N, C-alpha and C. Protein backbone atom coordinates (compact mmCIF):
# COMPACT_ATOMS: atom_id res chain seq x y z
N MET A 1 136.86 98.94 97.73
CA MET A 1 136.95 100.25 97.10
C MET A 1 135.76 100.51 96.17
N GLU A 2 135.33 99.48 95.43
CA GLU A 2 134.21 99.65 94.52
C GLU A 2 132.92 99.91 95.29
N ALA A 3 132.79 99.32 96.47
CA ALA A 3 131.59 99.53 97.29
C ALA A 3 131.44 101.00 97.65
N GLU A 4 132.56 101.70 97.84
CA GLU A 4 132.50 103.12 98.20
C GLU A 4 131.76 103.94 97.16
N LYS A 5 131.94 103.59 95.89
CA LYS A 5 131.26 104.34 94.82
C LYS A 5 129.75 104.24 94.96
N PHE A 6 129.26 103.06 95.33
CA PHE A 6 127.83 102.88 95.47
C PHE A 6 127.30 103.55 96.74
N ILE A 7 128.11 103.52 97.79
CA ILE A 7 127.73 104.24 99.01
C ILE A 7 127.62 105.73 98.71
N LYS A 8 128.60 106.26 97.98
CA LYS A 8 128.58 107.68 97.64
C LYS A 8 127.43 108.02 96.70
N ALA A 9 127.14 107.15 95.74
CA ALA A 9 126.02 107.40 94.82
C ALA A 9 124.70 107.42 95.58
N GLY A 10 124.52 106.47 96.50
CA GLY A 10 123.32 106.46 97.32
C GLY A 10 123.23 107.70 98.19
N GLY A 11 124.36 108.10 98.76
CA GLY A 11 124.40 109.32 99.57
C GLY A 11 124.09 110.56 98.76
N ALA A 12 124.58 110.60 97.53
CA ALA A 12 124.31 111.75 96.66
C ALA A 12 122.82 111.84 96.34
N ALA A 13 122.17 110.71 96.12
CA ALA A 13 120.73 110.71 95.83
C ALA A 13 119.94 111.24 97.03
N LEU A 14 120.30 110.80 98.23
CA LEU A 14 119.59 111.26 99.42
C LEU A 14 119.85 112.74 99.69
N THR A 15 121.10 113.19 99.44
CA THR A 15 121.42 114.60 99.62
C THR A 15 120.63 115.45 98.63
N LEU A 16 120.58 115.00 97.37
CA LEU A 16 119.83 115.73 96.36
C LEU A 16 118.35 115.82 96.75
N LEU A 17 117.80 114.73 97.24
CA LEU A 17 116.40 114.75 97.68
C LEU A 17 116.20 115.79 98.78
N GLY A 18 117.08 115.80 99.76
CA GLY A 18 116.96 116.77 100.85
C GLY A 18 117.05 118.21 100.36
N ILE A 19 117.99 118.47 99.44
CA ILE A 19 118.14 119.82 98.89
C ILE A 19 116.90 120.23 98.11
N LEU A 20 116.42 119.34 97.25
CA LEU A 20 115.21 119.65 96.47
C LEU A 20 114.01 119.85 97.38
N HIS A 21 113.92 119.05 98.44
CA HIS A 21 112.82 119.19 99.39
C HIS A 21 112.84 120.57 100.05
N LEU A 22 114.00 121.01 100.48
CA LEU A 22 114.10 122.32 101.14
C LEU A 22 113.85 123.46 100.15
N ILE A 23 114.33 123.31 98.91
CA ILE A 23 114.06 124.33 97.90
C ILE A 23 112.55 124.45 97.68
N ALA A 24 111.87 123.31 97.57
CA ALA A 24 110.41 123.33 97.39
C ALA A 24 109.72 123.92 98.61
N GLN A 25 110.23 123.62 99.79
CA GLN A 25 109.63 124.13 101.02
C GLN A 25 109.68 125.66 101.07
N PHE A 26 110.83 126.22 100.68
CA PHE A 26 111.01 127.66 100.82
C PHE A 26 110.68 128.45 99.55
N PHE A 27 110.85 127.84 98.39
CA PHE A 27 110.69 128.59 97.14
C PHE A 27 109.66 127.98 96.19
N GLY A 28 109.01 126.89 96.61
CA GLY A 28 108.05 126.21 95.75
C GLY A 28 106.75 126.98 95.65
N PRO A 29 105.76 126.37 95.01
CA PRO A 29 104.46 127.03 94.88
C PRO A 29 103.90 127.41 96.24
N SER A 30 103.25 128.51 96.28
CA SER A 30 102.67 129.01 97.52
C SER A 30 101.56 128.09 98.00
N SER A 31 101.58 127.81 99.27
CA SER A 31 100.50 126.99 99.83
C SER A 31 99.21 127.81 99.91
N GLU A 32 99.29 129.07 99.62
CA GLU A 32 98.10 129.92 99.63
C GLU A 32 97.16 129.58 98.48
N GLU A 33 97.61 128.70 97.57
CA GLU A 33 96.76 128.30 96.46
C GLU A 33 95.56 127.48 96.95
N VAL A 34 95.64 126.94 98.14
CA VAL A 34 94.53 126.20 98.74
C VAL A 34 94.22 126.91 100.06
N PRO A 35 93.70 128.11 99.99
CA PRO A 35 93.58 128.96 101.18
C PRO A 35 92.76 128.36 102.31
N GLU A 36 91.71 127.61 102.00
CA GLU A 36 90.88 127.07 103.08
C GLU A 36 91.64 126.01 103.88
N VAL A 37 92.46 125.20 103.22
CA VAL A 37 93.24 124.17 103.93
C VAL A 37 94.33 124.84 104.76
N VAL A 38 95.00 125.80 104.15
CA VAL A 38 96.07 126.51 104.87
C VAL A 38 95.52 127.21 106.09
N GLN A 39 94.39 127.87 105.94
CA GLN A 39 93.80 128.57 107.08
C GLN A 39 93.40 127.61 108.18
N MET A 40 92.85 126.44 107.80
CA MET A 40 92.49 125.44 108.81
C MET A 40 93.74 124.97 109.57
N MET A 41 94.85 124.78 108.84
CA MET A 41 96.08 124.33 109.50
C MET A 41 96.63 125.42 110.42
N LYS A 42 96.48 126.67 110.02
CA LYS A 42 96.96 127.78 110.84
C LYS A 42 96.08 127.97 112.08
N ASP A 43 94.80 127.67 111.94
CA ASP A 43 93.86 127.86 113.04
C ASP A 43 93.84 126.70 114.03
N TYR A 44 94.20 125.51 113.58
CA TYR A 44 94.12 124.32 114.44
C TYR A 44 95.31 124.33 115.40
N GLU A 45 95.03 124.50 116.67
CA GLU A 45 96.08 124.59 117.68
C GLU A 45 96.22 123.29 118.45
N ILE A 46 97.45 122.97 118.77
CA ILE A 46 97.78 121.76 119.52
C ILE A 46 98.48 122.20 120.79
N GLU A 47 97.96 121.72 121.93
CA GLU A 47 98.58 122.03 123.22
C GLU A 47 99.56 120.91 123.56
N MET A 48 100.83 121.20 123.48
CA MET A 48 101.85 120.23 123.83
C MET A 48 103.09 121.01 124.27
N MET A 49 103.21 121.18 125.58
CA MET A 49 104.30 121.99 126.12
C MET A 49 104.30 123.37 125.46
N GLY A 50 103.16 123.95 125.37
CA GLY A 50 102.96 125.22 124.71
C GLY A 50 101.96 125.04 123.58
N THR A 51 101.58 126.13 122.98
CA THR A 51 100.60 126.07 121.91
C THR A 51 101.31 126.18 120.56
N HIS A 52 100.96 125.25 119.69
CA HIS A 52 101.52 125.22 118.34
C HIS A 52 100.39 124.97 117.36
N THR A 53 100.53 125.49 116.16
CA THR A 53 99.51 125.23 115.14
C THR A 53 99.91 124.00 114.32
N LEU A 54 98.93 123.43 113.68
CA LEU A 54 99.20 122.30 112.79
C LEU A 54 100.14 122.73 111.67
N MET A 55 100.03 123.98 111.23
CA MET A 55 100.91 124.50 110.17
C MET A 55 102.35 124.57 110.66
N SER A 56 102.56 124.96 111.90
CA SER A 56 103.94 125.01 112.41
C SER A 56 104.53 123.61 112.52
N PHE A 57 103.72 122.63 112.92
CA PHE A 57 104.19 121.24 112.95
C PHE A 57 104.53 120.77 111.53
N HIS A 58 103.66 121.06 110.59
CA HIS A 58 103.89 120.66 109.20
C HIS A 58 105.19 121.26 108.67
N ASN A 59 105.36 122.56 108.85
CA ASN A 59 106.57 123.22 108.36
C ASN A 59 107.82 122.71 109.07
N GLY A 60 107.73 122.55 110.37
CA GLY A 60 108.88 122.07 111.13
C GLY A 60 109.31 120.67 110.71
N PHE A 61 108.35 119.77 110.57
CA PHE A 61 108.69 118.41 110.16
C PHE A 61 109.19 118.37 108.72
N SER A 62 108.67 119.23 107.88
CA SER A 62 109.12 119.28 106.50
C SER A 62 110.59 119.73 106.42
N ILE A 63 110.91 120.77 107.15
CA ILE A 63 112.30 121.26 107.18
C ILE A 63 113.21 120.19 107.80
N MET A 64 112.76 119.57 108.88
CA MET A 64 113.55 118.53 109.54
C MET A 64 113.79 117.36 108.58
N THR A 65 112.79 116.98 107.80
CA THR A 65 112.94 115.88 106.85
C THR A 65 114.01 116.20 105.80
N GLY A 66 113.95 117.41 105.24
CA GLY A 66 114.95 117.81 104.26
C GLY A 66 116.35 117.80 104.84
N LEU A 67 116.50 118.35 106.05
CA LEU A 67 117.82 118.37 106.69
C LEU A 67 118.29 116.97 107.04
N PHE A 68 117.37 116.10 107.43
CA PHE A 68 117.73 114.73 107.77
C PHE A 68 118.26 113.99 106.53
N MET A 69 117.59 114.15 105.40
CA MET A 69 118.04 113.50 104.17
C MET A 69 119.43 114.01 103.77
N ILE A 70 119.63 115.31 103.87
CA ILE A 70 120.94 115.88 103.55
C ILE A 70 122.00 115.32 104.49
N THR A 71 121.69 115.24 105.76
CA THR A 71 122.64 114.73 106.75
C THR A 71 123.02 113.28 106.49
N ILE A 72 122.03 112.44 106.22
CA ILE A 72 122.31 111.02 105.94
C ILE A 72 123.15 110.91 104.67
N GLY A 73 122.79 111.67 103.65
CA GLY A 73 123.54 111.63 102.39
C GLY A 73 124.98 112.07 102.55
N ILE A 74 125.19 113.17 103.25
CA ILE A 74 126.56 113.67 103.48
C ILE A 74 127.33 112.69 104.35
N PHE A 75 126.68 112.12 105.34
CA PHE A 75 127.33 111.11 106.18
C PHE A 75 127.85 109.96 105.32
N GLN A 76 126.97 109.44 104.44
CA GLN A 76 127.39 108.34 103.57
C GLN A 76 128.55 108.75 102.69
N TRP A 77 128.49 109.93 102.13
CA TRP A 77 129.54 110.42 101.24
C TRP A 77 130.86 110.57 101.99
N ALA A 78 130.80 111.23 103.13
CA ALA A 78 132.03 111.54 103.89
C ALA A 78 132.67 110.31 104.52
N HIS A 79 131.86 109.35 104.91
CA HIS A 79 132.38 108.18 105.63
C HIS A 79 132.40 106.91 104.80
N ALA A 80 132.20 107.04 103.50
CA ALA A 80 132.11 105.85 102.63
C ALA A 80 133.26 104.85 102.85
N PRO A 81 134.50 105.29 102.97
CA PRO A 81 135.58 104.30 103.15
C PRO A 81 135.48 103.53 104.47
N LYS A 82 134.81 104.11 105.47
CA LYS A 82 134.76 103.49 106.80
C LYS A 82 133.44 102.76 107.09
N ILE A 83 132.50 102.84 106.17
CA ILE A 83 131.20 102.22 106.42
C ILE A 83 131.31 100.72 106.22
N ASP A 84 130.99 99.97 107.27
CA ASP A 84 131.08 98.51 107.20
C ASP A 84 129.69 97.91 106.99
N ARG A 85 129.63 96.59 106.92
CA ARG A 85 128.36 95.91 106.66
C ARG A 85 127.32 96.19 107.74
N SER A 86 127.74 96.26 108.98
CA SER A 86 126.82 96.53 110.07
C SER A 86 126.17 97.91 109.90
N MET A 87 126.99 98.89 109.58
CA MET A 87 126.47 100.24 109.38
C MET A 87 125.57 100.28 108.14
N LEU A 88 125.97 99.56 107.10
CA LEU A 88 125.14 99.50 105.89
C LEU A 88 123.77 98.88 106.18
N ARG A 89 123.76 97.84 107.00
CA ARG A 89 122.47 97.23 107.36
C ARG A 89 121.57 98.25 108.05
N THR A 90 122.14 99.03 108.94
CA THR A 90 121.37 100.05 109.64
C THR A 90 120.86 101.11 108.67
N LEU A 91 121.74 101.60 107.79
CA LEU A 91 121.33 102.59 106.80
C LEU A 91 120.25 102.03 105.89
N MET A 92 120.41 100.78 105.46
CA MET A 92 119.43 100.16 104.58
C MET A 92 118.07 100.02 105.28
N PHE A 93 118.09 99.67 106.54
CA PHE A 93 116.86 99.52 107.31
C PHE A 93 116.07 100.83 107.31
N PHE A 94 116.74 101.93 107.65
CA PHE A 94 116.04 103.21 107.73
C PHE A 94 115.67 103.75 106.35
N THR A 95 116.52 103.51 105.36
CA THR A 95 116.21 103.97 104.01
C THR A 95 115.04 103.19 103.43
N LEU A 96 114.97 101.90 103.74
CA LEU A 96 113.85 101.09 103.27
C LEU A 96 112.54 101.55 103.91
N ILE A 97 112.57 101.90 105.18
CA ILE A 97 111.38 102.44 105.84
C ILE A 97 110.96 103.74 105.16
N ALA A 98 111.93 104.61 104.89
CA ALA A 98 111.62 105.87 104.21
C ALA A 98 111.02 105.61 102.84
N PHE A 99 111.54 104.60 102.13
CA PHE A 99 111.01 104.28 100.81
C PHE A 99 109.56 103.81 100.90
N VAL A 100 109.28 102.91 101.81
CA VAL A 100 107.92 102.37 101.94
C VAL A 100 106.94 103.50 102.29
N VAL A 101 107.32 104.35 103.22
CA VAL A 101 106.45 105.48 103.60
C VAL A 101 106.27 106.42 102.40
N SER A 102 107.36 106.66 101.67
CA SER A 102 107.29 107.59 100.55
C SER A 102 106.39 107.08 99.42
N LEU A 103 106.30 105.76 99.28
CA LEU A 103 105.41 105.20 98.25
C LEU A 103 103.96 105.62 98.48
N LYS A 104 103.58 105.73 99.73
CA LYS A 104 102.20 106.10 100.06
C LYS A 104 101.97 107.60 100.00
N TYR A 105 102.95 108.38 100.45
CA TYR A 105 102.70 109.80 100.67
C TYR A 105 103.40 110.76 99.72
N PHE A 106 104.37 110.30 98.94
CA PHE A 106 105.15 111.24 98.12
C PHE A 106 105.02 110.94 96.64
N HIS A 107 105.64 111.78 95.87
CA HIS A 107 105.62 111.68 94.41
C HIS A 107 106.79 110.82 93.92
N PRO A 108 106.76 110.43 92.63
CA PRO A 108 107.79 109.53 92.10
C PRO A 108 109.22 110.05 92.23
N LEU A 109 109.44 111.35 92.11
CA LEU A 109 110.82 111.85 92.25
C LEU A 109 111.35 111.55 93.65
N ALA A 110 110.54 111.79 94.67
CA ALA A 110 110.98 111.55 96.04
C ALA A 110 111.25 110.07 96.28
N TYR A 111 110.30 109.21 95.96
CA TYR A 111 110.56 107.80 96.25
C TYR A 111 111.58 107.21 95.30
N GLY A 112 111.73 107.79 94.11
CA GLY A 112 112.79 107.33 93.19
C GLY A 112 114.18 107.61 93.75
N LEU A 113 114.38 108.81 94.29
CA LEU A 113 115.69 109.15 94.88
C LEU A 113 115.97 108.32 96.13
N ILE A 114 114.94 108.07 96.93
CA ILE A 114 115.13 107.22 98.10
C ILE A 114 115.48 105.80 97.66
N LEU A 115 114.81 105.32 96.62
CA LEU A 115 115.11 103.99 96.11
C LEU A 115 116.55 103.91 95.58
N ILE A 116 117.00 104.94 94.88
CA ILE A 116 118.39 104.97 94.41
C ILE A 116 119.34 104.92 95.60
N GLY A 117 119.02 105.67 96.66
CA GLY A 117 119.84 105.62 97.87
C GLY A 117 119.91 104.21 98.44
N PHE A 118 118.76 103.54 98.50
CA PHE A 118 118.71 102.18 99.03
C PHE A 118 119.47 101.22 98.13
N ILE A 119 119.30 101.32 96.83
CA ILE A 119 120.00 100.42 95.91
C ILE A 119 121.51 100.60 96.02
N GLY A 120 121.96 101.84 96.14
CA GLY A 120 123.39 102.08 96.35
C GLY A 120 123.90 101.40 97.60
N GLN A 121 123.14 101.49 98.67
CA GLN A 121 123.52 100.83 99.93
C GLN A 121 123.51 99.32 99.77
N LEU A 122 122.50 98.79 99.10
CA LEU A 122 122.37 97.35 98.92
C LEU A 122 123.52 96.79 98.08
N ILE A 123 123.85 97.46 96.98
CA ILE A 123 124.96 96.99 96.14
C ILE A 123 126.26 97.06 96.92
N ALA A 124 126.47 98.14 97.67
CA ALA A 124 127.68 98.24 98.49
C ALA A 124 127.73 97.12 99.51
N TYR A 125 126.59 96.79 100.10
CA TYR A 125 126.53 95.70 101.07
C TYR A 125 126.94 94.39 100.42
N LYS A 126 126.43 94.13 99.22
CA LYS A 126 126.75 92.90 98.50
C LYS A 126 128.23 92.85 98.12
N LYS A 127 128.83 94.00 97.83
CA LYS A 127 130.22 94.03 97.40
C LYS A 127 131.20 94.04 98.56
N THR A 128 130.69 94.29 99.77
CA THR A 128 131.54 94.32 100.94
C THR A 128 131.65 92.90 101.48
N ALA A 129 132.87 92.46 101.68
CA ALA A 129 133.08 91.08 102.16
C ALA A 129 132.51 90.92 103.57
N ALA A 130 131.86 89.79 103.79
CA ALA A 130 131.33 89.48 105.11
C ALA A 130 132.48 89.16 106.04
N HIS A 131 132.33 89.56 107.28
CA HIS A 131 133.40 89.31 108.27
C HIS A 131 133.26 87.95 108.89
């Protein structure tokens, strides 16, 4: 039962990160502040089953990342009583990858929330009896 609290806390951190990411994506500072970079991304076209710009890939992956974090967080929250050690190992694996990547590419708030998510999973794993 105590492990559930840590699973939920980790899930809440990941959900918060996803929500903040999407808020920044849609309502954050305008990317027009660096017009030459934005224009280059809009002009650079990629042929892959149709034509897409680098800006559309950037925006699409950014939105997908925010939604993915929210989904993982809500999953952890909703299924906390049923999450076993095997599932925790899987969640920890992917959250640790996200943390390592975020250290290189993101700001402290992002990697801090991912780290909180991972720590919640790790503590829950330690508190869950091995089968």
